[in-house]
Amino acid sequence: MAHPFTRIFEKVLEDSRGDENHVLGEAEKLLEKGYSAKEIYGVLSKLKSSLISSADEAIVAEALEEFSQYVDVD
């Protein structure tokens, strides 16, 4: 069974193109709600490795890179 965050990220990934990375925005919203940065980062990492589309993978990779700043803070 997929992690609940995976479905959230997959949904916003459909709307993410070019300079609009909704995946990162959603990850930051989850962090603001009090979820663990490590948990969010782990889900993003697994999602990235499961993607087929190189465009989608690039969007998630960018979100991972930007979100990594929060992992050490947790």
Protein backbone atom coordinates (compact mmCIF):
# COMPACT_ATOMS: atom_id res chain seq x y z
CA MET A 1 0.00 0.00 0.00
CA ALA A 2 1.35 3.41 -0.96
CA HIS A 3 2.09 6.06 1.63
CA PRO A 4 -0.71 8.67 1.77
CA PHE A 5 1.77 11.41 0.85
CA THR A 6 2.58 9.56 -2.38
CA ARG A 7 -0.95 10.08 -3.66
CA ILE A 8 -0.83 13.74 -2.70
CA PHE A 9 2.46 14.24 -4.54
CA GLU A 10 1.29 12.31 -7.61
CA LYS A 11 -1.79 14.50 -7.85
CA VAL A 12 0.10 17.80 -7.69
CA LEU A 13 2.79 16.42 -10.00
CA GLU A 14 0.21 16.40 -12.79
CA ASP A 15 -0.10 20.20 -12.45
CA SER A 16 3.65 20.85 -12.13
CA ARG A 17 5.39 22.04 -15.27
CA GLY A 18 8.38 24.25 -15.98
CA ASP A 19 8.86 26.79 -13.23
CA GLU A 20 5.79 25.71 -11.26
CA ASN A 21 6.85 22.96 -8.86
CA HIS A 22 3.72 22.14 -6.90
CA VAL A 23 5.39 19.05 -5.43
CA LEU A 24 7.78 21.23 -3.44
CA GLY A 25 4.93 23.46 -2.34
CA GLU A 26 2.91 20.51 -1.12
CA ALA A 27 5.92 19.08 0.72
CA GLU A 28 6.38 22.41 2.50
CA LYS A 29 2.67 22.48 3.42
CA LEU A 30 2.99 19.04 5.00
CA LEU A 31 6.04 20.22 6.93
CA GLU A 32 4.10 23.25 8.21
CA LYS A 33 1.35 20.89 9.41
CA GLY A 34 3.92 19.21 11.63
CA TYR A 35 4.87 16.11 9.66
CA SER A 36 8.46 14.90 9.85
CA ALA A 37 10.83 16.33 7.26
CA LYS A 38 12.58 12.97 7.08
CA GLU A 39 9.31 11.17 6.38
CA ILE A 40 8.35 13.65 3.63
CA TYR A 41 11.83 13.46 2.10
CA GLY A 42 11.71 9.66 2.14
CA VAL A 43 8.39 9.59 0.31
CA LEU A 44 9.68 12.08 -2.28
CA SER A 45 12.79 9.97 -2.78
CA LYS A 46 10.79 6.78 -3.35
CA LEU A 47 8.43 8.60 -5.70
CA LYS A 48 11.36 9.91 -7.76
CA SER A 49 12.80 6.43 -8.21
CA SER A 50 9.43 5.05 -9.33
CA LEU A 51 8.71 7.59 -12.07
CA ILE A 52 8.98 6.73 -15.75
CA SER A 53 8.70 10.20 -17.29
CA SER A 54 12.00 12.08 -17.23
CA ALA A 55 10.09 15.37 -16.99
CA ASP A 56 8.23 14.19 -13.89
CA GLU A 57 11.44 12.80 -12.44
CA ALA A 58 13.15 16.17 -12.93
CA ILE A 59 10.35 17.97 -11.09
CA VAL A 60 10.54 15.60 -8.12
CA ALA A 61 14.37 15.76 -8.15
CA GLU A 62 14.16 19.55 -7.92
CA ALA A 63 11.69 19.25 -5.03
CA LEU A 64 14.04 16.80 -3.29
CA GLU A 65 16.99 19.13 -3.70
CA GLU A 66 15.10 22.15 -2.38
CA PHE A 67 13.42 20.22 0.43
CA SER A 68 16.69 18.68 1.64
CA GLN A 69 17.37 21.91 3.55
CA TYR A 70 14.64 20.90 6.03
CA VAL A 71 15.86 17.37 6.69
CA ASP A 72 18.72 18.36 8.97
CA VAL A 73 16.47 20.76 10.90
CA ASP A 74 14.01 18.02 11.94
